[in-house]
């Protein structure tokens, strides 16, 4: 298959491109810059916020699938770009479909759901509590409607809490690594009681890859483990794994009001995809 990956130079995108290439797929890697992308991919430097008038589908290589992972300021949940960029994403994706794309997969986020306790499945109601969540959820709804009208295969790959390759992810794990390197002995922390669905980025890349290489399981697909772990336990484990000489200072920062006490993905659909993938 020929797969167009937007946001290919990003934290997750780079891992997904390599995962797809390792499976023998042809990858067109697209981003504003592609300097960190696997050299085996066809690389296209492209700004989706400044679209040309030509046929977008032809311009980007006539792909069998588009995996849309491009998103600015994903770690800054209330950045002005969240809502400001929304129409550009919609215009880009609909232009691909109007040009001839038949299969669209888009990276989603558990932040679309907002405050929720327990497992999230494809029927869980969404009430996002950050601009990032609002924008992602609006794009999901818009593209689901558009793809249904155009009879296009649509997959929304909802991700959760990601770690691994931690120097590039701008998460708390990256910040702890940097603090330890600077010689700091303590790290200010929240209560750490909230439980989340943590997944290693390479495992996530595999789940994303096998999801878009099939068309039987569609709609919202949770890319997750389905196992909630407290933030404190996972961070303490991270410190031990990396043998860091640093101690968490619990309670320095309040827990974010829009973070749920325990939230995780229902893994039934991704497990079905994994079973089918192993049987091939």
Protein backbone atom coordinates (compact mmCIF):
# COMPACT_ATOMS: atom_id res chain seq x y z
CA UNK A 1 0.00 0.00 0.00
CA UNK A 2 0.99 3.60 -0.53
CA UNK A 3 0.40 5.54 2.67
CA UNK A 4 0.54 9.31 3.10
CA UNK A 5 1.52 10.26 6.66
CA UNK A 6 1.10 13.91 7.59
CA UNK A 7 2.89 15.16 10.69
CA UNK A 8 5.53 12.58 9.83
CA UNK A 9 8.34 14.56 11.46
CA UNK A 10 6.56 14.72 14.82
CA UNK A 11 7.15 12.73 17.98
CA UNK A 12 4.68 9.94 17.12
CA UNK A 13 4.81 10.38 13.36
CA UNK A 14 8.48 9.40 13.06
CA UNK A 15 7.81 6.12 14.85
CA UNK A 16 4.74 5.35 12.74
CA UNK A 17 6.62 5.98 9.49
CA UNK A 18 9.35 3.54 10.54
CA UNK A 19 6.79 0.97 11.68
CA UNK A 20 5.02 1.09 8.30
CA UNK A 21 8.29 0.88 6.37
CA UNK A 22 9.36 -2.13 8.43
CA UNK A 23 6.13 -3.81 7.29
CA UNK A 24 7.08 -3.29 3.66
CA UNK A 25 4.65 -0.45 2.93
CA UNK A 26 5.39 2.51 0.67
CA UNK A 27 5.31 5.69 2.76
CA UNK A 28 4.98 9.31 1.65
CA UNK A 29 6.10 11.33 4.67
CA UNK A 30 4.68 14.84 4.73
CA UNK A 31 5.44 17.69 7.15
CA UNK A 32 6.63 21.29 7.19
CA UNK A 33 10.10 19.75 7.65
CA UNK A 34 11.00 16.10 7.22
CA UNK A 35 14.64 16.15 8.36
CA UNK A 36 14.12 13.55 11.11
CA UNK A 37 12.03 11.12 9.05
CA UNK A 38 13.24 7.63 8.14
CA UNK A 39 15.27 7.97 4.91
CA UNK A 40 13.49 5.01 3.34
CA UNK A 41 10.32 7.09 3.00
CA UNK A 42 9.52 9.48 0.19
CA UNK A 43 9.71 12.83 1.96
CA UNK A 44 7.68 15.90 1.02
CA UNK A 45 8.07 19.24 2.79
CA UNK A 46 4.56 20.66 2.74
CA UNK A 47 2.61 23.34 4.62
CA UNK A 48 -1.03 22.33 4.95
CA UNK A 49 -1.86 25.84 6.19
CA UNK A 50 -0.91 27.27 2.78
CA UNK A 51 -2.61 24.99 0.27
CA UNK A 52 -1.90 25.27 -3.47
CA UNK A 53 -4.70 25.34 -6.04
CA UNK A 54 -3.66 22.04 -7.65
CA UNK A 55 -5.25 18.65 -6.92
CA UNK A 56 -4.04 17.82 -3.42
CA UNK A 57 -4.49 14.08 -3.87
CA UNK A 58 -2.32 14.00 -7.01
CA UNK A 59 0.21 16.45 -5.56
CA UNK A 60 0.80 14.15 -2.58
CA UNK A 61 1.31 10.99 -4.57
CA UNK A 62 -2.13 9.40 -5.06
CA UNK A 63 -2.02 7.47 -1.75
CA UNK A 64 -4.22 4.49 -0.91
CA UNK A 65 -4.54 5.80 2.65
CA UNK A 66 -3.94 9.13 4.34
CA UNK A 67 -2.93 8.96 8.00
CA UNK A 68 -3.39 12.52 9.25
CA UNK A 69 -1.22 13.12 12.31
CA UNK A 70 -0.31 16.77 11.74
CA UNK A 71 -1.25 19.05 14.63
CA UNK A 72 0.39 22.11 16.11
CA UNK A 73 0.94 22.61 19.84
CA UNK A 74 -0.51 19.27 20.88
CA UNK A 75 1.00 19.63 24.35
CA UNK A 76 -0.34 23.19 24.84
CA UNK A 77 -3.99 22.40 25.39
CA UNK A 78 -5.34 25.96 25.35
CA UNK A 79 -3.08 27.46 22.67
CA UNK A 80 -4.86 29.83 20.27
CA UNK A 81 -3.79 27.61 17.36
CA UNK A 82 -6.09 24.81 18.51
CA UNK A 83 -9.28 26.42 17.24
CA UNK A 84 -7.51 28.73 14.80
CA UNK A 85 -6.12 25.80 12.78
CA UNK A 86 -9.29 23.74 12.72
CA UNK A 87 -10.66 25.00 9.40
CA UNK A 88 -7.26 24.43 7.72
CA UNK A 89 -7.29 20.75 8.76
CA UNK A 90 -10.84 20.37 7.46
CA UNK A 91 -10.02 22.10 4.16
CA UNK A 92 -6.92 19.93 3.65
CA UNK A 93 -8.65 16.62 4.36
CA UNK A 94 -11.76 17.37 2.31
CA UNK A 95 -9.52 18.45 -0.59
CA UNK A 96 -7.79 15.05 -0.48
CA UNK A 97 -11.15 13.28 -0.51
CA UNK A 98 -12.52 15.44 -3.32
CA UNK A 99 -9.36 14.65 -5.28
CA UNK A 100 -9.86 10.88 -5.01
CA UNK A 101 -8.76 9.63 -1.56
CA UNK A 102 -10.78 6.55 -0.49
CA UNK A 103 -9.41 5.81 3.01
CA UNK A 104 -8.78 8.39 5.74
CA UNK A 105 -7.37 7.79 9.22
CA UNK A 106 -6.91 10.64 11.70
CA UNK A 107 -5.07 10.79 15.01
CA UNK A 108 -7.43 11.51 17.87
CA UNK A 109 -7.06 12.08 21.60
CA UNK A 110 -8.76 11.03 24.82
CA UNK A 111 -9.01 14.78 25.54
CA UNK A 112 -11.99 14.84 23.17
CA UNK A 113 -13.97 13.06 25.86
CA UNK A 114 -13.33 15.49 28.70
CA UNK A 115 -14.13 14.46 32.25
CA UNK A 116 -14.97 10.77 32.38
CA UNK A 117 -14.44 8.03 34.95
CA UNK A 118 -13.69 4.53 33.69
CA UNK A 119 -13.26 3.00 30.26
CA UNK A 120 -13.80 4.99 27.07
CA UNK A 121 -15.33 3.21 24.08
CA UNK A 122 -16.63 4.46 20.74
CA UNK A 123 -20.01 5.35 22.27
CA UNK A 124 -18.68 7.37 25.21
CA UNK A 125 -20.15 10.91 25.03
CA UNK A 126 -17.68 13.72 24.39
CA UNK A 127 -17.63 16.92 26.42
CA UNK A 128 -14.09 18.29 25.95
CA UNK A 129 -12.75 20.72 28.55
CA UNK A 130 -9.77 22.19 26.71
CA UNK A 131 -9.36 23.97 23.38
CA UNK A 132 -7.28 21.04 22.16
CA UNK A 133 -10.07 18.59 23.00
CA UNK A 134 -12.74 20.83 21.48
CA UNK A 135 -10.82 21.21 18.21
CA UNK A 136 -10.02 17.50 17.93
CA UNK A 137 -13.62 16.53 18.63
CA UNK A 138 -14.95 19.04 16.09
CA UNK A 139 -12.62 17.64 13.43
CA UNK A 140 -13.71 14.10 14.30
CA UNK A 141 -17.39 14.95 13.94
CA UNK A 142 -16.88 16.92 10.73
CA UNK A 143 -14.76 14.27 9.01
CA UNK A 144 -17.02 11.41 10.12
CA UNK A 145 -19.95 13.23 8.51
CA UNK A 146 -18.02 14.11 5.34
CA UNK A 147 -16.60 10.61 4.90
CA UNK A 148 -20.03 9.07 5.38
CA UNK A 149 -21.49 11.38 2.72
CA UNK A 150 -18.69 10.49 0.28
CA UNK A 151 -18.64 6.74 1.14
CA UNK A 152 -15.03 6.96 2.38
CA UNK A 153 -13.41 4.54 4.85
CA UNK A 154 -12.89 6.54 8.04
CA UNK A 155 -10.86 5.62 11.11
CA UNK A 156 -10.38 7.83 14.14
CA UNK A 157 -7.38 6.57 16.12
CA UNK A 158 -7.91 7.78 19.68
CA UNK A 159 -4.69 7.85 21.70
CA UNK A 160 -4.05 8.18 25.41
CA UNK A 161 -0.88 8.84 27.47
CA UNK A 162 2.32 8.18 25.55
CA UNK A 163 5.88 7.66 26.74
CA UNK A 164 9.12 6.40 25.25
CA UNK A 165 11.65 8.34 23.14
CA UNK A 166 11.16 10.75 26.01
CA UNK A 167 13.58 13.48 24.97
CA UNK A 168 11.26 14.32 22.08
CA UNK A 169 7.81 14.13 23.65
CA UNK A 170 7.59 17.29 25.80
CA UNK A 171 5.76 15.31 28.51
CA UNK A 172 6.41 15.08 32.23
CA UNK A 173 8.83 12.24 31.50
CA UNK A 174 10.93 14.51 29.31
CA UNK A 175 10.86 17.24 31.96
CA UNK A 176 12.05 14.83 34.65
CA UNK A 177 14.94 13.69 32.46
CA UNK A 178 15.99 17.29 31.86
CA UNK A 179 15.70 18.17 35.55
CA UNK A 180 17.90 15.22 36.51
CA UNK A 181 20.50 16.21 33.90
CA UNK A 182 20.56 19.73 35.36
CA UNK A 183 21.47 18.20 38.72
CA UNK A 184 18.15 18.85 40.44
CA UNK A 185 17.40 16.45 43.30
CA UNK A 186 13.66 17.11 43.55
CA UNK A 187 10.87 17.55 41.04
CA UNK A 188 7.63 19.46 41.86
CA UNK A 189 4.64 17.23 41.24
CA UNK A 190 0.88 16.90 41.59
CA UNK A 191 -0.77 14.37 43.90
CA UNK A 192 -0.11 11.72 41.25
CA UNK A 193 -3.31 9.89 42.17
CA UNK A 194 -4.98 10.14 38.76
CA UNK A 195 -4.94 6.88 36.80
CA UNK A 196 -4.26 6.88 33.07
CA UNK A 197 -3.75 4.52 30.15
CA UNK A 198 0.00 4.70 29.42
CA UNK A 199 1.44 3.23 26.23
CA UNK A 200 4.98 3.10 24.86
CA UNK A 201 5.35 5.04 21.60
CA UNK A 202 6.68 2.05 19.65
CA UNK A 203 3.69 -0.08 20.69
CA UNK A 204 1.40 2.80 19.78
CA UNK A 205 3.08 3.08 16.37
CA UNK A 206 2.44 -0.61 15.78
CA UNK A 207 -1.24 -0.28 16.75
CA UNK A 208 -1.68 2.70 14.43
CA UNK A 209 0.08 0.90 11.59
CA UNK A 210 -1.96 -2.30 11.72
CA UNK A 211 -5.19 -0.30 12.15
CA UNK A 212 -4.77 1.53 8.85
CA UNK A 213 -3.59 -1.57 6.99
CA UNK A 214 -7.04 -3.11 7.38
CA UNK A 215 -10.56 -1.87 6.59
CA UNK A 216 -12.84 -4.23 8.51
CA UNK A 217 -12.63 -2.38 11.84
CA UNK A 218 -13.39 1.31 11.38
CA UNK A 219 -14.78 4.33 13.19
CA UNK A 220 -13.27 5.20 16.56
CA UNK A 221 -10.42 2.84 17.45
CA UNK A 222 -8.77 3.18 20.85
CA UNK A 223 -4.99 2.84 20.53
CA UNK A 224 -4.28 1.90 24.12
CA UNK A 225 -3.47 -0.84 26.64
CA UNK A 226 -6.79 -0.80 28.50
CA UNK A 227 -4.91 -0.85 31.83
CA UNK A 228 -5.09 2.25 34.08
CA UNK A 229 -1.98 3.05 36.16
CA UNK A 230 -1.61 5.93 38.59
CA UNK A 231 0.57 8.79 37.40
CA UNK A 232 2.65 8.49 40.56
CA UNK A 233 3.33 4.79 40.05
CA UNK A 234 4.28 5.24 36.40
CA UNK A 235 6.57 8.20 37.07
CA UNK A 236 8.25 6.45 40.01
CA UNK A 237 8.77 3.42 37.76
CA UNK A 238 10.24 5.71 35.09
CA UNK A 239 12.71 7.18 37.59
CA UNK A 240 13.83 3.68 38.58
CA UNK A 241 14.09 2.50 34.97
CA UNK A 242 16.40 5.38 34.12
CA UNK A 243 18.24 5.26 37.48
CA UNK A 244 17.63 8.96 38.06
CA UNK A 245 18.80 10.60 41.28
CA UNK A 246 15.66 12.67 41.76
CA UNK A 247 12.68 12.60 44.15
CA UNK A 248 9.11 13.69 43.45
CA UNK A 249 7.68 16.51 45.60
CA UNK A 250 4.04 15.50 45.84
CA UNK A 251 1.32 18.14 46.11
CA UNK A 252 3.31 21.15 44.89
CA UNK A 253 0.98 21.59 41.93
CA UNK A 254 -2.79 21.03 41.97
CA UNK A 255 -4.30 18.36 39.75
CA UNK A 256 -5.79 19.85 36.58
CA UNK A 257 -9.55 20.29 37.05
CA UNK A 258 -10.31 18.67 33.67
CA UNK A 259 -8.29 15.51 34.37
CA UNK A 260 -10.36 12.50 35.44
CA UNK A 261 -9.52 10.38 38.52
CA UNK A 262 -9.34 7.22 36.38
CA UNK A 263 -9.65 7.13 32.62
CA UNK A 264 -8.54 4.54 30.10
CA UNK A 265 -9.38 3.10 26.70
CA UNK A 266 -11.55 0.11 25.97
CA UNK A 267 -9.14 -2.06 23.95
CA UNK A 268 -11.66 -4.43 22.34
CA UNK A 269 -11.36 -3.07 18.78
CA UNK A 270 -7.57 -2.81 18.78
CA UNK A 271 -7.36 -6.33 20.22
CA UNK A 272 -9.54 -7.58 17.37
CA UNK A 273 -7.24 -5.87 14.86
CA UNK A 274 -4.17 -7.36 16.58
CA UNK A 275 -5.68 -10.87 16.43
CA UNK A 276 -6.42 -10.52 12.73
CA UNK A 277 -2.94 -9.14 12.08
CA UNK A 278 -1.29 -12.13 13.79
CA UNK A 279 -3.42 -14.56 11.78
CA UNK A 280 -2.28 -13.14 8.42
